[in-house]
PDB file of all heavy atoms in Angstrom:
ATOM      1  N   PRO A   1      -4.127 150.918  23.069  1.00  0.00           N
ATOM      2  CA  PRO A   1      -4.119 151.736  24.300  1.00  0.00           C
ATOM      3  C   PRO A   1      -3.833 153.205  24.035  1.00  0.00           C
ATOM      4  O   PRO A   1      -3.072 153.569  23.143  1.00  0.00           O
ATOM      5  CB  PRO A   1      -3.004 151.092  25.133  1.00  0.00           C
ATOM      6  CG  PRO A   1      -2.946 149.681  24.662  1.00  0.00           C
ATOM      7  CD  PRO A   1      -3.272 149.731  23.188  1.00  0.00           C
ATOM      8  N   ASN A   2      -4.512 154.052  24.819  1.00  0.00           N
ATOM      9  CA  ASN A   2      -4.326 155.505  24.822  1.00  0.00           C
ATOM     10  C   ASN A   2      -4.851 156.185  23.558  1.00  0.00           C
ATOM     11  O   ASN A   2      -4.504 157.338  23.299  1.00  0.00           O
ATOM     12  CB  ASN A   2      -2.851 155.877  25.020  1.00  0.00           C
ATOM     13  CG  ASN A   2      -2.285 155.321  26.313  1.00  0.00           C
ATOM     14  OD1 ASN A   2      -2.944 155.346  27.355  1.00  0.00           O
ATOM     15  ND2 ASN A   2      -1.068 154.802  26.253  1.00  0.00           N
ATOM     16  N   LEU A   3      -5.665 155.487  22.778  1.00  0.00           N
ATOM     17  CA  LEU A   3      -6.277 156.094  21.606  1.00  0.00           C
ATOM     18  C   LEU A   3      -7.784 156.184  21.796  1.00  0.00           C
ATOM     19  O   LEU A   3      -8.355 155.613  22.725  1.00  0.00           O
ATOM     20  CB  LEU A   3      -5.955 155.284  20.347  1.00  0.00           C
ATOM     21  CG  LEU A   3      -4.480 155.233  19.915  1.00  0.00           C
ATOM     22  CD1 LEU A   3      -4.340 154.412  18.649  1.00  0.00           C
ATOM     23  CD2 LEU A   3      -3.919 156.635  19.710  1.00  0.00           C
ATOM     24  N   THR A   4      -8.446 156.912  20.894  1.00  0.00           N
ATOM     25  CA  THR A   4      -9.902 157.005  20.909  1.00  0.00           C
ATOM     26  C   THR A   4     -10.487 155.796  20.171  1.00  0.00           C
ATOM     27  O   THR A   4      -9.767 154.874  19.784  1.00  0.00           O
ATOM     28  CB  THR A   4     -10.358 158.300  20.223  1.00  0.00           C
ATOM     29  OG1 THR A   4      -9.982 158.231  18.838  1.00  0.00           O
ATOM     30  CG2 THR A   4      -9.696 159.510  20.855  1.00  0.00           C
ATOM     31  N   PHE A   5     -11.804 155.833  19.945  1.00  0.00           N
ATOM     32  CA  PHE A   5     -12.437 154.738  19.208  1.00  0.00           C
ATOM     33  C   PHE A   5     -11.947 154.676  17.760  1.00  0.00           C
ATOM     34  O   PHE A   5     -12.138 153.664  17.091  1.00  0.00           O
ATOM     35  CB  PHE A   5     -13.957 154.879  19.236  1.00  0.00           C
ATOM     36  CG  PHE A   5     -14.576 154.433  20.533  1.00  0.00           C
ATOM     37  CD1 PHE A   5     -15.177 155.360  21.369  1.00  0.00           C
ATOM     38  CD2 PHE A   5     -14.537 153.114  20.921  1.00  0.00           C
ATOM     39  CE1 PHE A   5     -15.746 154.961  22.572  1.00  0.00           C
ATOM     40  CE2 PHE A   5     -15.103 152.701  22.123  1.00  0.00           C
ATOM     41  CZ  PHE A   5     -15.706 153.631  22.959  1.00  0.00           C
ATOM     42  N   ALA A   6     -11.337 155.751  17.275  1.00  0.00           N
ATOM     43  CA  ALA A   6     -10.706 155.698  15.954  1.00  0.00           C
ATOM     44  C   ALA A   6      -9.479 154.802  15.961  1.00  0.00           C
ATOM     45  O   ALA A   6      -8.911 154.513  14.909  1.00  0.00           O
ATOM     46  CB  ALA A   6     -10.317 157.101  15.489  1.00  0.00           C
ATOM     47  N   GLY A   7      -9.062 154.355  17.135  1.00  0.00           N
ATOM     48  CA  GLY A   7      -7.914 153.476  17.273  1.00  0.00           C
ATOM     49  C   GLY A   7      -8.252 151.998  17.285  1.00  0.00           C
ATOM     50  O   GLY A   7      -7.413 151.173  17.688  1.00  0.00           O
ATOM     51  N   ARG A   8      -9.467 151.648  16.847  1.00  0.00           N
ATOM     52  CA  ARG A   8      -9.745 150.222  16.637  1.00  0.00           C
ATOM     53  C   ARG A   8      -8.758 149.663  15.614  1.00  0.00           C
ATOM     54  O   ARG A   8      -8.436 150.339  14.617  1.00  0.00           O
ATOM     55  CB  ARG A   8     -11.164 150.016  16.107  1.00  0.00           C
ATOM     56  CG  ARG A   8     -12.270 150.240  17.106  1.00  0.00           C
ATOM     57  CD  ARG A   8     -13.637 149.929  16.489  1.00  0.00           C
ATOM     58  NE  ARG A   8     -13.793 148.519  16.175  1.00  0.00           N
ATOM     59  CZ  ARG A   8     -14.877 147.994  15.610  1.00  0.00           C
ATOM     60  NH1 ARG A   8     -15.883 148.777  15.274  1.00  0.00           N
ATOM     61  NH2 ARG A   8     -14.948 146.695  15.366  1.00  0.00           N
ATOM     62  N   PRO A   9      -8.238 148.459  15.802  1.00  0.00           N
ATOM     63  CA  PRO A   9      -7.272 147.917  14.835  1.00  0.00           C
ATOM     64  C   PRO A   9      -7.780 147.964  13.402  1.00  0.00           C
ATOM     65  O   PRO A   9      -7.029 148.289  12.477  1.00  0.00           O
ATOM     66  CB  PRO A   9      -7.072 146.483  15.331  1.00  0.00           C
ATOM     67  CG  PRO A   9      -7.313 146.553  16.796  1.00  0.00           C
ATOM     68  CD  PRO A   9      -8.413 147.567  16.967  1.00  0.00           C
ATOM     69  N   ALA A  10      -9.060 147.653  13.191  1.00  0.00           N
ATOM     70  CA  ALA A  10      -9.610 147.677  11.832  1.00  0.00           C
ATOM     71  C   ALA A  10      -9.586 149.082  11.252  1.00  0.00           C
ATOM     72  O   ALA A  10      -9.304 149.281  10.064  1.00  0.00           O
ATOM     73  CB  ALA A  10     -11.043 147.138  11.840  1.00  0.00           C
ATOM     74  N   LEU A  11      -9.851 150.086  12.080  1.00  0.00           N
ATOM     75  CA  LEU A  11      -9.894 151.456  11.587  1.00  0.00           C
ATOM     76  C   LEU A  11      -8.494 151.985  11.300  1.00  0.00           C
ATOM     77  O   LEU A  11      -8.292 152.757  10.350  1.00  0.00           O
ATOM     78  CB  LEU A  11     -10.618 152.355  12.586  1.00  0.00           C
ATOM     79  CG  LEU A  11     -12.157 152.418  12.454  1.00  0.00           C
ATOM     80  CD1 LEU A  11     -12.779 151.021  12.563  1.00  0.00           C
ATOM     81  CD2 LEU A  11     -12.744 153.348  13.488  1.00  0.00           C
ATOM     82  N   LEU A  12      -7.531 151.607  12.111  1.00  0.00           N
ATOM     83  CA  LEU A  12      -6.155 152.008  11.827  1.00  0.00           C
ATOM     84  C   LEU A  12      -5.678 151.400  10.514  1.00  0.00           C
ATOM     85  O   LEU A  12      -4.937 152.040   9.751  1.00  0.00           O
ATOM     86  CB  LEU A  12      -5.247 151.578  12.977  1.00  0.00           C
ATOM     87  CG  LEU A  12      -5.474 152.304  14.311  1.00  0.00           C
ATOM     88  CD1 LEU A  12      -4.561 151.726  15.385  1.00  0.00           C
ATOM     89  CD2 LEU A  12      -5.235 153.802  14.160  1.00  0.00           C
ATOM     90  N   LEU A  13      -6.097 150.178  10.247  1.00  0.00           N
ATOM     91  CA  LEU A  13      -5.758 149.556   8.971  1.00  0.00           C
ATOM     92  C   LEU A  13      -6.418 150.298   7.810  1.00  0.00           C
ATOM     93  O   LEU A  13      -5.827 150.458   6.737  1.00  0.00           O
ATOM     94  CB  LEU A  13      -6.181 148.083   8.976  1.00  0.00           C
ATOM     95  CG  LEU A  13      -5.706 147.218   7.808  1.00  0.00           C
ATOM     96  CD1 LEU A  13      -4.182 147.236   7.724  1.00  0.00           C
ATOM     97  CD2 LEU A  13      -6.209 145.785   7.976  1.00  0.00           C
ATOM     98  N   ALA A  14      -7.636 150.786   8.021  1.00  0.00           N
ATOM     99  CA  ALA A  14      -8.306 151.581   6.993  1.00  0.00           C
ATOM    100  C   ALA A  14      -7.564 152.895   6.743  1.00  0.00           C
ATOM    101  O   ALA A  14      -7.493 153.372   5.601  1.00  0.00           O
ATOM    102  CB  ALA A  14      -9.754 151.862   7.402  1.00  0.00           C
ATOM    103  N   LEU A  15      -7.001 153.475   7.800  1.00  0.00           N
ATOM    104  CA  LEU A  15      -6.205 154.684   7.625  1.00  0.00           C
ATOM    105  C   LEU A  15      -4.958 154.392   6.796  1.00  0.00           C
ATOM    106  O   LEU A  15      -4.551 155.210   5.951  1.00  0.00           O
ATOM    107  CB  LEU A  15      -5.816 155.257   8.987  1.00  0.00           C
ATOM    108  CG  LEU A  15      -5.084 156.599   8.986  1.00  0.00           C
ATOM    109  CD1 LEU A  15      -5.945 157.686   8.348  1.00  0.00           C
ATOM    110  CD2 LEU A  15      -4.685 156.992  10.405  1.00  0.00           C
ATOM    111  N   ALA A  16      -4.356 153.222   7.020  1.00  0.00           N
ATOM    112  CA  ALA A  16      -3.214 152.811   6.200  1.00  0.00           C
ATOM    113  C   ALA A  16      -3.632 152.623   4.742  1.00  0.00           C
ATOM    114  O   ALA A  16      -2.856 152.931   3.824  1.00  0.00           O
ATOM    115  CB  ALA A  16      -2.610 151.523   6.754  1.00  0.00           C
ATOM    116  N   LEU A  17      -4.847 152.157   4.511  1.00  0.00           N
ATOM    117  CA  LEU A  17      -5.351 152.025   3.140  1.00  0.00           C
ATOM    118  C   LEU A  17      -5.495 153.391   2.475  1.00  0.00           C
ATOM    119  O   LEU A  17      -5.229 153.537   1.276  1.00  0.00           O
ATOM    120  CB  LEU A  17      -6.699 151.295   3.141  1.00  0.00           C
ATOM    121  CG  LEU A  17      -6.654 149.787   3.405  1.00  0.00           C
ATOM    122  CD1 LEU A  17      -8.072 149.234   3.558  1.00  0.00           C
ATOM    123  CD2 LEU A  17      -5.925 149.061   2.291  1.00  0.00           C
ATOM    124  N   PHE A  18      -5.919 154.385   3.246  1.00  0.00           N
ATOM    125  CA  PHE A  18      -6.005 155.736   2.682  1.00  0.00           C
ATOM    126  C   PHE A  18      -4.627 156.240   2.270  1.00  0.00           C
ATOM    127  O   PHE A  18      -4.459 156.829   1.184  1.00  0.00           O
ATOM    128  CB  PHE A  18      -6.642 156.695   3.693  1.00  0.00           C
ATOM    129  CG  PHE A  18      -6.818 158.093   3.176  1.00  0.00           C
ATOM    130  CD1 PHE A  18      -7.898 158.408   2.368  1.00  0.00           C
ATOM    131  CD2 PHE A  18      -5.896 159.085   3.478  1.00  0.00           C
ATOM    132  CE1 PHE A  18      -8.063 159.702   1.872  1.00  0.00           C
ATOM    133  CE2 PHE A  18      -6.048 160.372   2.990  1.00  0.00           C
ATOM    134  CZ  PHE A  18      -7.137 160.686   2.183  1.00  0.00           C
ATOM    135  N   ALA A  19      -3.631 155.998   3.127  1.00  0.00           N
ATOM    136  CA  ALA A  19      -2.270 156.404   2.787  1.00  0.00           C
ATOM    137  C   ALA A  19      -1.780 155.652   1.551  1.00  0.00           C
ATOM    138  O   ALA A  19      -1.113 156.233   0.679  1.00  0.00           O
ATOM    139  CB  ALA A  19      -1.340 156.149   3.977  1.00  0.00           C
ATOM    140  N   TRP A  20      -2.101 154.372   1.458  1.00  0.00           N
ATOM    141  CA  TRP A  20      -1.720 153.553   0.296  1.00  0.00           C
ATOM    142  C   TRP A  20      -2.330 154.141  -0.978  1.00  0.00           C
ATOM    143  O   TRP A  20      -1.659 154.264  -2.007  1.00  0.00           O
ATOM    144  CB  TRP A  20      -2.176 152.119   0.536  1.00  0.00           C
ATOM    145  CG  TRP A  20      -1.719 151.117  -0.490  1.00  0.00           C
ATOM    146  CD1 TRP A  20      -1.100 151.360  -1.671  1.00  0.00           C
ATOM    147  CD2 TRP A  20      -1.863 149.692  -0.407  1.00  0.00           C
ATOM    148  NE1 TRP A  20      -0.853 150.183  -2.345  1.00  0.00           N
ATOM    149  CE2 TRP A  20      -1.309 149.150  -1.588  1.00  0.00           C
ATOM    150  CE3 TRP A  20      -2.416 148.835   0.534  1.00  0.00           C
ATOM    151  CZ2 TRP A  20      -1.298 147.781  -1.846  1.00  0.00           C
ATOM    152  CZ3 TRP A  20      -2.398 147.472   0.292  1.00  0.00           C
ATOM    153  CH2 TRP A  20      -1.841 146.945  -0.886  1.00  0.00           C
ATOM    154  N   TRP A  21      -3.621 154.494  -0.902  1.00  0.00           N
ATOM    155  CA  TRP A  21      -4.300 155.040  -2.081  1.00  0.00           C
ATOM    156  C   TRP A  21      -3.663 156.356  -2.510  1.00  0.00           C
ATOM    157  O   TRP A  21      -3.456 156.598  -3.708  1.00  0.00           O
ATOM    158  CB  TRP A  21      -5.784 155.249  -1.772  1.00  0.00           C
ATOM    159  CG  TRP A  21      -6.588 155.630  -2.965  1.00  0.00           C
ATOM    160  CD1 TRP A  21      -7.149 154.810  -3.898  1.00  0.00           C
ATOM    161  CD2 TRP A  21      -6.915 156.974  -3.386  1.00  0.00           C
ATOM    162  NE1 TRP A  21      -7.810 155.546  -4.855  1.00  0.00           N
ATOM    163  CE2 TRP A  21      -7.680 156.871  -4.567  1.00  0.00           C
ATOM    164  CE3 TRP A  21      -6.642 158.233  -2.867  1.00  0.00           C
ATOM    165  CZ2 TRP A  21      -8.174 157.983  -5.226  1.00  0.00           C
ATOM    166  CZ3 TRP A  21      -7.125 159.355  -3.533  1.00  0.00           C
ATOM    167  CH2 TRP A  21      -7.878 159.220  -4.705  1.00  0.00           C
ATOM    168  N   MET A  22      -3.340 157.211  -1.548  1.00  0.00           N
ATOM    169  CA  MET A  22      -2.711 158.485  -1.878  1.00  0.00           C
ATOM    170  C   MET A  22      -1.352 158.270  -2.534  1.00  0.00           C
ATOM    171  O   MET A  22      -1.018 158.928  -3.533  1.00  0.00           O
ATOM    172  CB  MET A  22      -2.556 159.334  -0.618  1.00  0.00           C
ATOM    173  CG  MET A  22      -3.872 159.868  -0.065  1.00  0.00           C
ATOM    174  SD  MET A  22      -4.724 160.998  -1.207  1.00  0.00           S
ATOM    175  CE  MET A  22      -3.535 162.337  -1.292  1.00  0.00           C
ATOM    176  N   LEU A  23      -0.554 157.352  -2.000  1.00  0.00           N
ATOM    177  CA  LEU A  23       0.754 157.071  -2.586  1.00  0.00           C
ATOM    178  C   LEU A  23       0.608 156.507  -4.001  1.00  0.00           C
ATOM    179  O   LEU A  23       1.397 156.831  -4.894  1.00  0.00           O
ATOM    180  CB  LEU A  23       1.529 156.093  -1.702  1.00  0.00           C
ATOM    181  CG  LEU A  23       2.023 156.651  -0.353  1.00  0.00           C
ATOM    182  CD1 LEU A  23       2.602 155.535   0.501  1.00  0.00           C
ATOM    183  CD2 LEU A  23       3.045 157.746  -0.567  1.00  0.00           C
ATOM    184  N   ALA A  24      -0.391 155.650  -4.180  1.00  0.00           N
ATOM    185  CA  ALA A  24      -0.612 155.079  -5.512  1.00  0.00           C
ATOM    186  C   ALA A  24      -1.014 156.144  -6.515  1.00  0.00           C
ATOM    187  O   ALA A  24      -0.653 156.087  -7.689  1.00  0.00           O
ATOM    188  CB  ALA A  24      -1.684 153.985  -5.435  1.00  0.00           C
ATOM    189  N   ARG A  25      -1.759 157.160  -6.057  1.00  0.00           N
ATOM    190  CA  ARG A  25      -2.157 158.245  -6.951  1.00  0.00           C
ATOM    191  C   ARG A  25      -0.985 159.166  -7.287  1.00  0.00           C
ATOM    192  O   ARG A  25      -0.945 159.757  -8.368  1.00  0.00           O
ATOM    193  CB  ARG A  25      -3.275 159.073  -6.310  1.00  0.00           C
ATOM    194  CG  ARG A  25      -4.586 158.324  -6.129  1.00  0.00           C
ATOM    195  CD  ARG A  25      -5.218 157.970  -7.445  1.00  0.00           C
ATOM    196  NE  ARG A  25      -5.568 159.144  -8.234  1.00  0.00           N
ATOM    197  CZ  ARG A  25      -6.017 159.101  -9.486  1.00  0.00           C
ATOM    198  NH1 ARG A  25      -6.143 157.940 -10.106  1.00  0.00           N
ATOM    199  NH2 ARG A  25      -6.319 160.214 -10.137  1.00  0.00           N
ATOM    200  N   LEU A  26      -0.035 159.267  -6.375  1.00  0.00           N
ATOM    201  CA  LEU A  26       1.079 160.197  -6.571  1.00  0.00           C
ATOM    202  C   LEU A  26       2.277 159.555  -7.262  1.00  0.00           C
ATOM    203  O   LEU A  26       3.178 160.255  -7.709  1.00  0.00           O
ATOM    204  CB  LEU A  26       1.516 160.770  -5.215  1.00  0.00           C
ATOM    205  CG  LEU A  26       0.479 161.638  -4.487  1.00  0.00           C
ATOM    206  CD1 LEU A  26       0.980 161.998  -3.103  1.00  0.00           C
ATOM    207  CD2 LEU A  26       0.156 162.883  -5.288  1.00  0.00           C
ATOM    208  N   SER A  27       2.294 158.227  -7.327  1.00  0.00           N
ATOM    209  CA  SER A  27       3.433 157.517  -7.906  1.00  0.00           C
ATOM    210  C   SER A  27       3.121 157.126  -9.345  1.00  0.00           C
ATOM    211  O   SER A  27       2.120 156.461  -9.612  1.00  0.00           O
ATOM    212  CB  SER A  27       3.749 156.268  -7.072  1.00  0.00           C
ATOM    213  OG  SER A  27       4.758 155.493  -7.689  1.00  0.00           O
ATOM    214  N   ALA A  28       3.995 157.501 -10.265  1.00  0.00           N
ATOM    215  CA  ALA A  28       3.758 157.203 -11.680  1.00  0.00           C
ATOM    216  C   ALA A  28       3.681 155.703 -11.972  1.00  0.00           C
ATOM    217  O   ALA A  28       2.798 155.254 -12.707  1.00  0.00           O
ATOM    218  CB  ALA A  28       4.846 157.853 -12.535  1.00  0.00           C
ATOM    219  N   PRO A  29       4.567 154.847 -11.416  1.00  0.00           N
ATOM    220  CA  PRO A  29       4.465 153.418 -11.710  1.00  0.00           C
ATOM    221  C   PRO A  29       3.212 152.777 -11.132  1.00  0.00           C
ATOM    222  O   PRO A  29       2.801 151.715 -11.572  1.00  0.00           O
ATOM    223  CB  PRO A  29       5.725 152.837 -11.053  1.00  0.00           C
ATOM    224  CG  PRO A  29       6.659 153.980 -10.899  1.00  0.00           C
ATOM    225  CD  PRO A  29       5.795 155.152 -10.657  1.00  0.00           C
ATOM    226  N   LEU A  30       2.618 153.416 -10.116  1.00  0.00           N
ATOM    227  CA  LEU A  30       1.455 152.819  -9.467  1.00  0.00           C
ATOM    228  C   LEU A  30       0.152 153.527  -9.814  1.00  0.00           C
ATOM    229  O   LEU A  30      -0.905 153.139  -9.336  1.00  0.00           O
ATOM    230  CB  LEU A  30       1.633 152.842  -7.941  1.00  0.00           C
ATOM    231  CG  LEU A  30       2.802 152.044  -7.374  1.00  0.00           C
ATOM    232  CD1 LEU A  30       2.850 152.224  -5.864  1.00  0.00           C
ATOM    233  CD2 LEU A  30       2.674 150.574  -7.724  1.00  0.00           C
ATOM    234  N   LEU A  31       0.233 154.586 -10.597  1.00  0.00           N
ATOM    235  CA  LEU A  31      -0.945 155.420 -10.850  1.00  0.00           C
ATOM    236  C   LEU A  31      -2.110 154.599 -11.384  1.00  0.00           C
ATOM    237  O   LEU A  31      -1.978 153.865 -12.357  1.00  0.00           O
ATOM    238  CB  LEU A  31      -0.607 156.529 -11.846  1.00  0.00           C
ATOM    239  CG  LEU A  31      -1.760 157.480 -12.200  1.00  0.00           C
ATOM    240  CD1 LEU A  31      -2.245 158.189 -10.949  1.00  0.00           C
ATOM    241  CD2 LEU A  31      -1.329 158.468 -13.252  1.00  0.00           C
ATOM    242  N   MET A  32      -3.263 154.735 -10.724  1.00  0.00           N
ATOM    243  CA  MET A  32      -4.459 153.989 -11.107  1.00  0.00           C
ATOM    244  C   MET A  32      -5.178 154.762 -12.207  1.00  0.00           C
ATOM    245  O   MET A  32      -5.909 155.717 -11.937  1.00  0.00           O
ATOM    246  CB  MET A  32      -5.346 153.780  -9.887  1.00  0.00           C
ATOM    247  CG  MET A  32      -4.712 152.876  -8.852  1.00  0.00           C
ATOM    248  SD  MET A  32      -5.604 152.799  -7.284  1.00  0.00           S
ATOM    249  CE  MET A  32      -5.081 154.333  -6.537  1.00  0.00           C
ATOM    250  N   VAL A  33      -4.938 154.372 -13.439  1.00  0.00           N
ATOM    251  CA  VAL A  33      -5.471 155.106 -14.579  1.00  0.00           C
ATOM    252  C   VAL A  33      -6.919 154.703 -14.838  1.00  0.00           C
ATOM    253  O   VAL A  33      -7.405 153.701 -14.343  1.00  0.00           O
ATOM    254  CB  VAL A  33      -4.619 154.841 -15.835  1.00  0.00           C
ATOM    255  CG1 VAL A  33      -3.193 155.299 -15.617  1.00  0.00           C
ATOM    256  CG2 VAL A  33      -4.641 153.359 -16.203  1.00  0.00           C
ATOM    257  N   GLY A  34      -7.568 155.496 -15.667  1.00  0.00           N
ATOM    258  CA  GLY A  34      -8.934 155.172 -16.056  1.00  0.00           C
ATOM    259  C   GLY A  34      -9.950 155.862 -15.177  1.00  0.00           C
ATOM    260  O   GLY A  34      -9.661 156.298 -14.068  1.00  0.00           O
ATOM    261  N   PRO A  35     -11.181 155.979 -15.646  1.00  0.00           N
ATOM    262  CA  PRO A  35     -12.228 156.685 -14.895  1.00  0.00           C
ATOM    263  C   PRO A  35     -12.716 155.871 -13.698  1.00  0.00           C
ATOM    264  O   PRO A  35     -12.660 154.650 -13.688  1.00  0.00           O
ATOM    265  CB  PRO A  35     -13.348 156.856 -15.933  1.00  0.00           C
ATOM    266  CG  PRO A  35     -13.151 155.701 -16.866  1.00  0.00           C
ATOM    267  CD  PRO A  35     -11.667 155.479 -16.947  1.00  0.00           C
ATOM    268  N   GLN A  36     -13.203 156.590 -12.701  1.00  0.00           N
ATOM    269  CA  GLN A  36     -13.834 155.970 -11.542  1.00  0.00           C
ATOM    270  C   GLN A  36     -14.750 157.016 -10.915  1.00  0.00           C
ATOM    271  O   GLN A  36     -14.318 157.864 -10.144  1.00  0.00           O
ATOM    272  CB  GLN A  36     -12.787 155.495 -10.533  1.00  0.00           C
ATOM    273  CG  GLN A  36     -13.358 154.904  -9.244  1.00  0.00           C
ATOM    274  CD  GLN A  36     -14.337 153.775  -9.472  1.00  0.00           C
ATOM    275  OE1 GLN A  36     -15.550 153.998  -9.589  1.00  0.00           O
ATOM    276  NE2 GLN A  36     -13.826 152.547  -9.568  1.00  0.00           N
ATOM    277  N   PRO A  37     -16.044 157.003 -11.256  1.00  0.00           N
ATOM    278  CA  PRO A  37     -16.961 158.021 -10.732  1.00  0.00           C
ATOM    279  C   PRO A  37     -17.005 158.089  -9.213  1.00  0.00           C
ATOM    280  O   PRO A  37     -17.279 159.166  -8.654  1.00  0.00           O
ATOM    281  CB  PRO A  37     -18.322 157.581 -11.306  1.00  0.00           C
ATOM    282  CG  PRO A  37     -17.979 156.777 -12.523  1.00  0.00           C
ATOM    283  CD  PRO A  37     -16.693 156.075 -12.193  1.00  0.00           C
ATOM    284  N   LEU A  38     -16.725 156.986  -8.540  1.00  0.00           N
ATOM    285  CA  LEU A  38     -16.808 156.983  -7.088  1.00  0.00           C
ATOM    286  C   LEU A  38     -15.768 157.912  -6.463  1.00  0.00           C
ATOM    287  O   LEU A  38     -15.987 158.436  -5.366  1.00  0.00           O
ATOM    288  CB  LEU A  38     -16.636 155.556  -6.565  1.00  0.00           C
ATOM    289  CG  LEU A  38     -17.010 155.315  -5.099  1.00  0.00           C
ATOM    290  CD1 LEU A  38     -18.430 155.774  -4.819  1.00  0.00           C
ATOM    291  CD2 LEU A  38     -16.860 153.843  -4.749  1.00  0.00           C
TER     292      LEU A  38
END
């Protein structure tokens, strides 16, 4: 409620995945090493 179409539950979960990826990149114990062209 009170959100735009970006507030679909699936899309909010995708936003949480973006935050997870950023934290993993910034945290040394979680850093995803190795190449990834994507």
